[in-house]
């Protein structure tokens, strides 16, 4: 209820009269969380914050950026695992305290078929095959750890392509040399430039079939394994059996610049 004063003129005498009127309803906020008169601009003040989805955990569904992108997000938006991520960058794997075991036989699994992935298609709408797979290794112990090399490889499991083979197609990133405790980075960034077994590339549209492992190698690049592979060197296993390390994998789509390792402390 509102009180309004009305000025009346009567025979040259000014009179004041009071009347009341009902207050009309305020306009409903628009989809961006602002009043319609604000043209969708979100006030970032303490009393009117955008009710956007919370920032994701390490597996990540959606990161809402501050500013114009955030203003376009509906407060009640349902975020699905395959929702378009604002940055397009995906944290694929990050785990500390890893160790090779005898059972690994020189191939420690990081991601296996059936594991939850941050996106079900790595070819579209974002092209990660022609983008980058950033790889970081951090060796934390022992202080006397011998030098060697580490390498990430991807094998395709199952026979959905009808080729009659398992572990194929197969592709590997670069071999990264290390000198023991410290942090090291792969510089062979794009999966499209990796070595492919028999020249057959990985099919990034079906990553649910991928087996991703880190390969243990000696300083010469020999494969520390008992498998019947070229240049195997299982005799060097004692030099690496106590090595503890961390692996971080980040997918960056084609056309985008990596946000930097400071985003993944």
C-alpha atoms as a PDB file:
ATOM      1  CA  UNK A   1       0.000   0.000   0.000  1.00  0.00           C
ATOM      2  CA  UNK A   2       1.408   3.406  -0.950  1.00  0.00           C
ATOM      3  CA  UNK A   3       0.312   6.919   0.269  1.00  0.00           C
ATOM      4  CA  UNK A   4       0.192   9.599  -2.423  1.00  0.00           C
ATOM      5  CA  UNK A   5      -0.351  13.371  -1.910  1.00  0.00           C
ATOM      6  CA  UNK A   6      -2.432  15.195  -4.534  1.00  0.00           C
ATOM      7  CA  UNK A   7      -2.383  18.991  -4.997  1.00  0.00           C
ATOM      8  CA  UNK A   8      -5.822  20.585  -5.674  1.00  0.00           C
ATOM      9  CA  UNK A   9      -6.678  24.178  -6.557  1.00  0.00           C
ATOM     10  CA  UNK A  10     -10.077  25.396  -5.280  1.00  0.00           C
ATOM     11  CA  UNK A  11     -11.079  29.031  -5.616  1.00  0.00           C
ATOM     12  CA  UNK A  12      -7.462  30.187  -5.548  1.00  0.00           C
ATOM     13  CA  UNK A  13      -6.782  28.145  -2.414  1.00  0.00           C
ATOM     14  CA  UNK A  14      -4.245  25.329  -2.585  1.00  0.00           C
ATOM     15  CA  UNK A  15      -5.427  22.118  -0.923  1.00  0.00           C
ATOM     16  CA  UNK A  16      -3.513  18.883  -0.189  1.00  0.00           C
ATOM     17  CA  UNK A  17      -5.340  15.567  -0.337  1.00  0.00           C
ATOM     18  CA  UNK A  18      -4.050  12.073   0.389  1.00  0.00           C
ATOM     19  CA  UNK A  19      -4.953   8.971  -1.561  1.00  0.00           C
ATOM     20  CA  UNK A  20      -3.677   5.406  -1.646  1.00  0.00           C
ATOM     21  CA  UNK A  21      -2.857   2.974  -4.427  1.00  0.00           C
ATOM     22  CA  UNK A  22      -1.799  -0.681  -4.600  1.00  0.00           C
ATOM     23  CA  UNK A  23       1.825  -1.307  -5.449  1.00  0.00           C
ATOM     24  CA  UNK A  24       2.172  -3.305  -8.649  1.00  0.00           C
ATOM     25  CA  UNK A  25       4.257  -6.517  -8.794  1.00  0.00           C
ATOM     26  CA  UNK A  26       8.002  -6.235  -9.475  1.00  0.00           C
ATOM     27  CA  UNK A  27       9.156  -7.808 -12.725  1.00  0.00           C
ATOM     28  CA  UNK A  28      10.551 -11.327 -12.365  1.00  0.00           C
ATOM     29  CA  UNK A  29      14.342 -11.718 -12.776  1.00  0.00           C
ATOM     30  CA  UNK A  30      15.405 -12.805 -16.228  1.00  0.00           C
ATOM     31  CA  UNK A  31      17.257 -16.046 -16.921  1.00  0.00           C
ATOM     32  CA  UNK A  32      20.618 -14.504 -16.109  1.00  0.00           C
ATOM     33  CA  UNK A  33      19.564 -13.639 -12.573  1.00  0.00           C
ATOM     34  CA  UNK A  34      19.054  -9.869 -13.098  1.00  0.00           C
ATOM     35  CA  UNK A  35      15.898  -7.767 -13.330  1.00  0.00           C
ATOM     36  CA  UNK A  36      14.490  -7.355 -16.830  1.00  0.00           C
ATOM     37  CA  UNK A  37      15.427  -3.677 -16.728  1.00  0.00           C
ATOM     38  CA  UNK A  38      19.077  -4.640 -16.295  1.00  0.00           C
ATOM     39  CA  UNK A  39      19.217  -6.155 -19.790  1.00  0.00           C
ATOM     40  CA  UNK A  40      20.669  -9.383 -18.411  1.00  0.00           C
ATOM     41  CA  UNK A  41      23.704  -7.777 -16.770  1.00  0.00           C
ATOM     42  CA  UNK A  42      24.562  -9.564 -13.549  1.00  0.00           C
ATOM     43  CA  UNK A  43      25.464  -7.454 -10.509  1.00  0.00           C
ATOM     44  CA  UNK A  44      28.435  -9.151  -8.839  1.00  0.00           C
ATOM     45  CA  UNK A  45      27.783  -7.343  -5.524  1.00  0.00           C
ATOM     46  CA  UNK A  46      27.586  -9.273  -2.262  1.00  0.00           C
ATOM     47  CA  UNK A  47      23.782  -9.031  -2.151  1.00  0.00           C
ATOM     48  CA  UNK A  48      23.107 -10.179  -5.717  1.00  0.00           C
ATOM     49  CA  UNK A  49      25.495 -12.916  -6.826  1.00  0.00           C
ATOM     50  CA  UNK A  50      24.751 -15.184  -9.760  1.00  0.00           C
ATOM     51  CA  UNK A  51      23.488 -18.500  -8.491  1.00  0.00           C
ATOM     52  CA  UNK A  52      25.730 -20.398 -10.879  1.00  0.00           C
ATOM     53  CA  UNK A  53      26.727 -24.075 -10.506  1.00  0.00           C
ATOM     54  CA  UNK A  54      29.598 -24.674  -8.119  1.00  0.00           C
ATOM     55  CA  UNK A  55      33.088 -25.154  -9.500  1.00  0.00           C
ATOM     56  CA  UNK A  56      33.766 -28.799 -10.374  1.00  0.00           C
ATOM     57  CA  UNK A  57      36.031 -31.264  -8.639  1.00  0.00           C
ATOM     58  CA  UNK A  58      39.103 -32.693 -10.292  1.00  0.00           C
ATOM     59  CA  UNK A  59      37.017 -34.614 -12.834  1.00  0.00           C
ATOM     60  CA  UNK A  60      35.221 -31.394 -13.804  1.00  0.00           C
ATOM     61  CA  UNK A  61      31.898 -30.822 -15.539  1.00  0.00           C
ATOM     62  CA  UNK A  62      31.638 -27.074 -16.024  1.00  0.00           C
ATOM     63  CA  UNK A  63      33.707 -24.091 -15.003  1.00  0.00           C
ATOM     64  CA  UNK A  64      31.760 -20.826 -15.020  1.00  0.00           C
ATOM     65  CA  UNK A  65      33.994 -17.907 -15.850  1.00  0.00           C
ATOM     66  CA  UNK A  66      33.410 -14.509 -14.252  1.00  0.00           C
ATOM     67  CA  UNK A  67      32.035 -11.883 -16.614  1.00  0.00           C
ATOM     68  CA  UNK A  68      30.085 -12.148 -19.849  1.00  0.00           C
ATOM     69  CA  UNK A  69      30.215 -15.956 -20.100  1.00  0.00           C
ATOM     70  CA  UNK A  70      28.879 -16.380 -16.589  1.00  0.00           C
ATOM     71  CA  UNK A  71      25.974 -14.015 -17.254  1.00  0.00           C
ATOM     72  CA  UNK A  72      24.697 -16.351 -19.952  1.00  0.00           C
ATOM     73  CA  UNK A  73      24.416 -19.348 -17.611  1.00  0.00           C
ATOM     74  CA  UNK A  74      20.997 -20.055 -16.164  1.00  0.00           C
ATOM     75  CA  UNK A  75      21.002 -20.547 -12.391  1.00  0.00           C
ATOM     76  CA  UNK A  76      19.001 -23.764 -12.750  1.00  0.00           C
ATOM     77  CA  UNK A  77      21.032 -25.131 -15.668  1.00  0.00           C
ATOM     78  CA  UNK A  78      21.540 -28.890 -15.499  1.00  0.00           C
ATOM     79  CA  UNK A  79      25.195 -29.766 -16.001  1.00  0.00           C
ATOM     80  CA  UNK A  80      25.851 -33.087 -17.688  1.00  0.00           C
ATOM     81  CA  UNK A  81      29.229 -34.897 -17.984  1.00  0.00           C
ATOM     82  CA  UNK A  82      29.379 -34.018 -21.676  1.00  0.00           C
ATOM     83  CA  UNK A  83      28.294 -30.382 -21.280  1.00  0.00           C
ATOM     84  CA  UNK A  84      30.465 -27.919 -23.176  1.00  0.00           C
ATOM     85  CA  UNK A  85      33.134 -26.761 -20.768  1.00  0.00           C
ATOM     86  CA  UNK A  86      33.712 -23.033 -20.799  1.00  0.00           C
ATOM     87  CA  UNK A  87      37.457 -23.362 -21.271  1.00  0.00           C
ATOM     88  CA  UNK A  88      37.427 -26.636 -23.230  1.00  0.00           C
ATOM     89  CA  UNK A  89      40.361 -27.850 -21.123  1.00  0.00           C
ATOM     90  CA  UNK A  90      39.890 -31.257 -19.469  1.00  0.00           C
ATOM     91  CA  UNK A  91      41.762 -32.661 -16.487  1.00  0.00           C
ATOM     92  CA  UNK A  92      41.967 -36.279 -17.560  1.00  0.00           C
ATOM     93  CA  UNK A  93      44.082 -37.785 -14.771  1.00  0.00           C
ATOM     94  CA  UNK A  94      45.961 -36.542 -11.715  1.00  0.00           C
ATOM     95  CA  UNK A  95      47.165 -38.894  -9.004  1.00  0.00           C
ATOM     96  CA  UNK A  96      50.055 -38.918  -6.567  1.00  0.00           C
ATOM     97  CA  UNK A  97      51.784 -41.795  -4.806  1.00  0.00           C
ATOM     98  CA  UNK A  98      52.002 -44.032  -7.867  1.00  0.00           C
ATOM     99  CA  UNK A  99      54.474 -46.909  -8.000  1.00  0.00           C
ATOM    100  CA  UNK A 100      55.296 -49.574 -10.526  1.00  0.00           C
ATOM    101  CA  UNK A 101      54.781 -53.128  -9.329  1.00  0.00           C
ATOM    102  CA  UNK A 102      56.030 -56.486 -10.522  1.00  0.00           C
ATOM    103  CA  UNK A 103      52.485 -57.190 -11.740  1.00  0.00           C
ATOM    104  CA  UNK A 104      52.579 -54.023 -13.872  1.00  0.00           C
ATOM    105  CA  UNK A 105      55.555 -55.504 -15.714  1.00  0.00           C
ATOM    106  CA  UNK A 106      56.710 -52.051 -16.799  1.00  0.00           C
ATOM    107  CA  UNK A 107      53.238 -50.728 -17.749  1.00  0.00           C
ATOM    108  CA  UNK A 108      51.363 -48.950 -14.933  1.00  0.00           C
ATOM    109  CA  UNK A 109      47.653 -48.347 -15.748  1.00  0.00           C
ATOM    110  CA  UNK A 110      46.264 -44.819 -15.395  1.00  0.00           C
ATOM    111  CA  UNK A 111      42.880 -45.069 -17.158  1.00  0.00           C
ATOM    112  CA  UNK A 112      41.090 -48.288 -18.142  1.00  0.00           C
ATOM    113  CA  UNK A 113      37.979 -49.029 -20.228  1.00  0.00           C
ATOM    114  CA  UNK A 114      34.962 -48.493 -17.989  1.00  0.00           C
ATOM    115  CA  UNK A 115      36.536 -45.663 -16.003  1.00  0.00           C
ATOM    116  CA  UNK A 116      34.606 -42.382 -15.803  1.00  0.00           C
ATOM    117  CA  UNK A 117      35.820 -39.870 -18.385  1.00  0.00           C
ATOM    118  CA  UNK A 118      35.227 -36.094 -18.444  1.00  0.00           C
ATOM    119  CA  UNK A 119      33.894 -36.329 -22.015  1.00  0.00           C
ATOM    120  CA  UNK A 120      32.690 -39.267 -24.121  1.00  0.00           C
ATOM    121  CA  UNK A 121      33.973 -37.939 -27.451  1.00  0.00           C
ATOM    122  CA  UNK A 122      37.453 -36.418 -27.822  1.00  0.00           C
ATOM    123  CA  UNK A 123      36.972 -35.513 -31.486  1.00  0.00           C
ATOM    124  CA  UNK A 124      33.814 -33.386 -31.347  1.00  0.00           C
ATOM    125  CA  UNK A 125      32.611 -30.835 -30.510  1.00  0.00           C
ATOM    126  CA  UNK A 126      36.150 -30.167 -29.242  1.00  0.00           C
ATOM    127  CA  UNK A 127      39.055 -31.587 -31.286  1.00  0.00           C
ATOM    128  CA  UNK A 128      41.607 -32.944 -28.811  1.00  0.00           C
ATOM    129  CA  UNK A 129      43.358 -35.251 -31.271  1.00  0.00           C
ATOM    130  CA  UNK A 130      44.726 -32.237 -33.139  1.00  0.00           C
ATOM    131  CA  UNK A 131      45.003 -30.288 -29.901  1.00  0.00           C
ATOM    132  CA  UNK A 132      47.299 -31.247 -27.026  1.00  0.00           C
ATOM    133  CA  UNK A 133      47.646 -33.862 -24.328  1.00  0.00           C
ATOM    134  CA  UNK A 134      49.790 -32.161 -21.698  1.00  0.00           C
ATOM    135  CA  UNK A 135      51.727 -34.636 -19.537  1.00  0.00           C
ATOM    136  CA  UNK A 136      53.533 -33.908 -16.278  1.00  0.00           C
ATOM    137  CA  UNK A 137      55.588 -36.379 -14.227  1.00  0.00           C
ATOM    138  CA  UNK A 138      56.639 -35.546 -10.659  1.00  0.00           C
ATOM    139  CA  UNK A 139      59.008 -38.020  -9.025  1.00  0.00           C
ATOM    140  CA  UNK A 140      58.879 -37.592  -5.250  1.00  0.00           C
ATOM    141  CA  UNK A 141      61.049 -40.387  -3.818  1.00  0.00           C
ATOM    142  CA  UNK A 142      63.450 -41.911  -3.013  1.00  0.00           C
ATOM    143  CA  UNK A 143      66.075 -39.180  -2.914  1.00  0.00           C
ATOM    144  CA  UNK A 144      68.535 -41.630  -4.470  1.00  0.00           C
ATOM    145  CA  UNK A 145      66.240 -42.524  -7.377  1.00  0.00           C
ATOM    146  CA  UNK A 146      68.165 -43.546 -10.485  1.00  0.00           C
ATOM    147  CA  UNK A 147      67.705 -41.744 -13.779  1.00  0.00           C
ATOM    148  CA  UNK A 148      65.492 -43.180 -16.486  1.00  0.00           C
ATOM    149  CA  UNK A 149      62.605 -42.379 -18.819  1.00  0.00           C
ATOM    150  CA  UNK A 150      58.803 -42.352 -18.607  1.00  0.00           C
ATOM    151  CA  UNK A 151      56.284 -42.462 -21.435  1.00  0.00           C
ATOM    152  CA  UNK A 152      52.486 -42.424 -21.773  1.00  0.00           C
ATOM    153  CA  UNK A 153      50.950 -44.810 -24.295  1.00  0.00           C
ATOM    154  CA  UNK A 154      47.335 -45.485 -25.303  1.00  0.00           C
ATOM    155  CA  UNK A 155      45.980 -48.833 -26.460  1.00  0.00           C
ATOM    156  CA  UNK A 156      42.521 -49.461 -27.908  1.00  0.00           C
ATOM    157  CA  UNK A 157      40.715 -52.381 -26.284  1.00  0.00           C
ATOM    158  CA  UNK A 158      37.907 -54.506 -27.716  1.00  0.00           C
ATOM    159  CA  UNK A 159      37.125 -55.488 -31.251  1.00  0.00           C
ATOM    160  CA  UNK A 160      34.397 -52.968 -32.134  1.00  0.00           C
ATOM    161  CA  UNK A 161      36.279 -51.985 -35.304  1.00  0.00           C
ATOM    162  CA  UNK A 162      36.384 -55.591 -36.507  1.00  0.00           C
ATOM    163  CA  UNK A 163      40.158 -55.685 -36.979  1.00  0.00           C
ATOM    164  CA  UNK A 164      40.505 -58.903 -34.987  1.00  0.00           C
ATOM    165  CA  UNK A 165      43.032 -57.336 -32.625  1.00  0.00           C
ATOM    166  CA  UNK A 166      43.105 -56.143 -29.038  1.00  0.00           C
ATOM    167  CA  UNK A 167      45.568 -53.443 -27.871  1.00  0.00           C
ATOM    168  CA  UNK A 168      45.207 -51.885 -31.330  1.00  0.00           C
ATOM    169  CA  UNK A 169      45.359 -49.133 -32.530  1.00  0.00           C
ATOM    170  CA  UNK A 170      48.248 -48.166 -30.267  1.00  0.00           C
ATOM    171  CA  UNK A 171      49.998 -44.803 -29.949  1.00  0.00           C
ATOM    172  CA  UNK A 172      52.642 -43.312 -27.661  1.00  0.00           C
ATOM    173  CA  UNK A 173      53.699 -39.836 -26.537  1.00  0.00           C
ATOM    174  CA  UNK A 174      57.352 -38.895 -26.233  1.00  0.00           C
ATOM    175  CA  UNK A 175      59.881 -40.547 -23.940  1.00  0.00           C
ATOM    176  CA  UNK A 176      60.634 -38.104 -21.119  1.00  0.00           C
ATOM    177  CA  UNK A 177      64.056 -38.349 -19.483  1.00  0.00           C
ATOM    178  CA  UNK A 178      64.392 -37.826 -15.736  1.00  0.00           C
ATOM    179  CA  UNK A 179      67.273 -37.731 -13.274  1.00  0.00           C
ATOM    180  CA  UNK A 180      65.358 -38.829 -10.192  1.00  0.00           C
ATOM    181  CA  UNK A 181      63.360 -36.594  -7.846  1.00  0.00           C
ATOM    182  CA  UNK A 182      61.903 -33.615  -9.709  1.00  0.00           C
ATOM    183  CA  UNK A 183      59.182 -32.552 -12.148  1.00  0.00           C
ATOM    184  CA  UNK A 184      59.346 -33.262 -15.865  1.00  0.00           C
ATOM    185  CA  UNK A 185      57.143 -32.456 -18.890  1.00  0.00           C
ATOM    186  CA  UNK A 186      56.464 -34.100 -22.211  1.00  0.00           C
ATOM    187  CA  UNK A 187      57.119 -31.760 -25.143  1.00  0.00           C
ATOM    188  CA  UNK A 188      55.500 -33.930 -27.845  1.00  0.00           C
ATOM    189  CA  UNK A 189      52.160 -32.257 -27.256  1.00  0.00           C
ATOM    190  CA  UNK A 190      49.696 -33.215 -29.986  1.00  0.00           C
ATOM    191  CA  UNK A 191      48.393 -36.823 -30.161  1.00  0.00           C
ATOM    192  CA  UNK A 192      48.226 -36.340 -33.941  1.00  0.00           C
ATOM    193  CA  UNK A 193      52.055 -36.274 -33.982  1.00  0.00           C
ATOM    194  CA  UNK A 194      52.614 -39.335 -31.773  1.00  0.00           C
ATOM    195  CA  UNK A 195      54.067 -42.620 -32.941  1.00  0.00           C
ATOM    196  CA  UNK A 196      51.347 -45.006 -34.176  1.00  0.00           C
ATOM    197  CA  UNK A 197      51.661 -48.766 -34.377  1.00  0.00           C
ATOM    198  CA  UNK A 198      51.550 -49.750 -38.065  1.00  0.00           C
ATOM    199  CA  UNK A 199      50.739 -46.116 -38.873  1.00  0.00           C
ATOM    200  CA  UNK A 200      47.127 -46.543 -37.674  1.00  0.00           C
ATOM    201  CA  UNK A 201      45.954 -43.539 -35.599  1.00  0.00           C
ATOM    202  CA  UNK A 202      43.839 -43.666 -32.469  1.00  0.00           C
ATOM    203  CA  UNK A 203      40.097 -43.073 -32.813  1.00  0.00           C
ATOM    204  CA  UNK A 204      39.506 -40.191 -30.398  1.00  0.00           C
ATOM    205  CA  UNK A 205      35.741 -40.348 -30.865  1.00  0.00           C
ATOM    206  CA  UNK A 206      35.678 -43.525 -28.719  1.00  0.00           C
ATOM    207  CA  UNK A 207      37.947 -42.933 -25.707  1.00  0.00           C
ATOM    208  CA  UNK A 208      35.824 -45.336 -23.639  1.00  0.00           C
ATOM    209  CA  UNK A 209      37.892 -48.093 -25.268  1.00  0.00           C
ATOM    210  CA  UNK A 210      41.238 -46.585 -24.287  1.00  0.00           C
ATOM    211  CA  UNK A 211      43.737 -48.193 -21.956  1.00  0.00           C
ATOM    212  CA  UNK A 212      46.202 -45.467 -20.920  1.00  0.00           C
ATOM    213  CA  UNK A 213      49.395 -46.550 -19.156  1.00  0.00           C
ATOM    214  CA  UNK A 214      52.721 -45.044 -18.199  1.00  0.00           C
ATOM    215  CA  UNK A 215      55.679 -47.069 -19.484  1.00  0.00           C
ATOM    216  CA  UNK A 216      58.845 -47.587 -17.439  1.00  0.00           C
ATOM    217  CA  UNK A 217      62.092 -47.197 -19.353  1.00  0.00           C
ATOM    218  CA  UNK A 218      65.773 -47.176 -18.513  1.00  0.00           C
ATOM    219  CA  UNK A 219      68.149 -44.344 -19.393  1.00  0.00           C
ATOM    220  CA  UNK A 220      68.754 -45.828 -22.856  1.00  0.00           C
ATOM    221  CA  UNK A 221      65.015 -46.040 -23.495  1.00  0.00           C
ATOM    222  CA  UNK A 222      64.916 -49.797 -22.976  1.00  0.00           C
ATOM    223  CA  UNK A 223      61.583 -51.191 -21.748  1.00  0.00           C
ATOM    224  CA  UNK A 224      61.875 -52.435 -18.129  1.00  0.00           C
ATOM    225  CA  UNK A 225      59.648 -55.475 -18.645  1.00  0.00           C
ATOM    226  CA  UNK A 226      59.689 -59.256 -19.016  1.00  0.00           C
ATOM    227  CA  UNK A 227      57.465 -59.078 -22.096  1.00  0.00           C
ATOM    228  CA  UNK A 228      58.955 -60.275 -25.353  1.00  0.00           C
ATOM    229  CA  UNK A 229      59.515 -56.815 -26.799  1.00  0.00           C
ATOM    230  CA  UNK A 230      62.495 -55.294 -28.541  1.00  0.00           C
ATOM    231  CA  UNK A 231      65.143 -53.902 -26.213  1.00  0.00           C
ATOM    232  CA  UNK A 232      63.622 -55.238 -22.975  1.00  0.00           C
ATOM    233  CA  UNK A 233      65.746 -54.762 -19.830  1.00  0.00           C
ATOM    234  CA  UNK A 234      64.011 -56.310 -16.818  1.00  0.00           C
ATOM    235  CA  UNK A 235      67.423 -56.616 -15.163  1.00  0.00           C
ATOM    236  CA  UNK A 236      67.135 -52.883 -14.351  1.00  0.00           C
ATOM    237  CA  UNK A 237      63.924 -53.336 -12.328  1.00  0.00           C
ATOM    238  CA  UNK A 238      65.685 -52.994  -8.919  1.00  0.00           C
ATOM    239  CA  UNK A 239      66.617 -49.409  -9.859  1.00  0.00           C
ATOM    240  CA  UNK A 240      62.935 -48.409 -10.119  1.00  0.00           C
ATOM    241  CA  UNK A 241      60.961 -50.675  -7.792  1.00  0.00           C
ATOM    242  CA  UNK A 242      60.784 -48.043  -5.024  1.00  0.00           C
ATOM    243  CA  UNK A 243      60.158 -45.012  -7.250  1.00  0.00           C
ATOM    244  CA  UNK A 244      57.103 -42.953  -6.177  1.00  0.00           C
ATOM    245  CA  UNK A 245      55.654 -40.474  -8.643  1.00  0.00           C
ATOM    246  CA  UNK A 246      52.683 -38.398  -9.756  1.00  0.00           C
ATOM    247  CA  UNK A 247      51.181 -38.208 -13.241  1.00  0.00           C
ATOM    248  CA  UNK A 248      48.931 -35.389 -14.502  1.00  0.00           C
ATOM    249  CA  UNK A 249      47.191 -35.499 -17.895  1.00  0.00           C
ATOM    250  CA  UNK A 250      45.368 -32.469 -19.322  1.00  0.00           C
ATOM    251  CA  UNK A 251      43.573 -32.375 -22.688  1.00  0.00           C
ATOM    252  CA  UNK A 252      43.606 -29.041 -24.535  1.00  0.00           C
ATOM    253  CA  UNK A 253      41.424 -28.622 -27.653  1.00  0.00           C
ATOM    254  CA  UNK A 254      42.707 -27.479 -31.012  1.00  0.00           C
ATOM    255  CA  UNK A 255      42.896 -23.698 -31.259  1.00  0.00           C
ATOM    256  CA  UNK A 256      43.131 -23.092 -27.518  1.00  0.00           C
ATOM    257  CA  UNK A 257      46.161 -22.089 -25.442  1.00  0.00           C
ATOM    258  CA  UNK A 258      46.955 -24.205 -22.388  1.00  0.00           C
ATOM    259  CA  UNK A 259      46.052 -22.351 -19.180  1.00  0.00           C
ATOM    260  CA  UNK A 260      49.361 -23.374 -17.588  1.00  0.00           C
ATOM    261  CA  UNK A 261      50.491 -25.877 -14.985  1.00  0.00           C
ATOM    262  CA  UNK A 262      49.750 -23.364 -12.254  1.00  0.00           C
ATOM    263  CA  UNK A 263      46.101 -24.354 -12.801  1.00  0.00           C
ATOM    264  CA  UNK A 264      46.998 -27.835 -11.524  1.00  0.00           C
ATOM    265  CA  UNK A 265      49.153 -27.309  -8.412  1.00  0.00           C
END
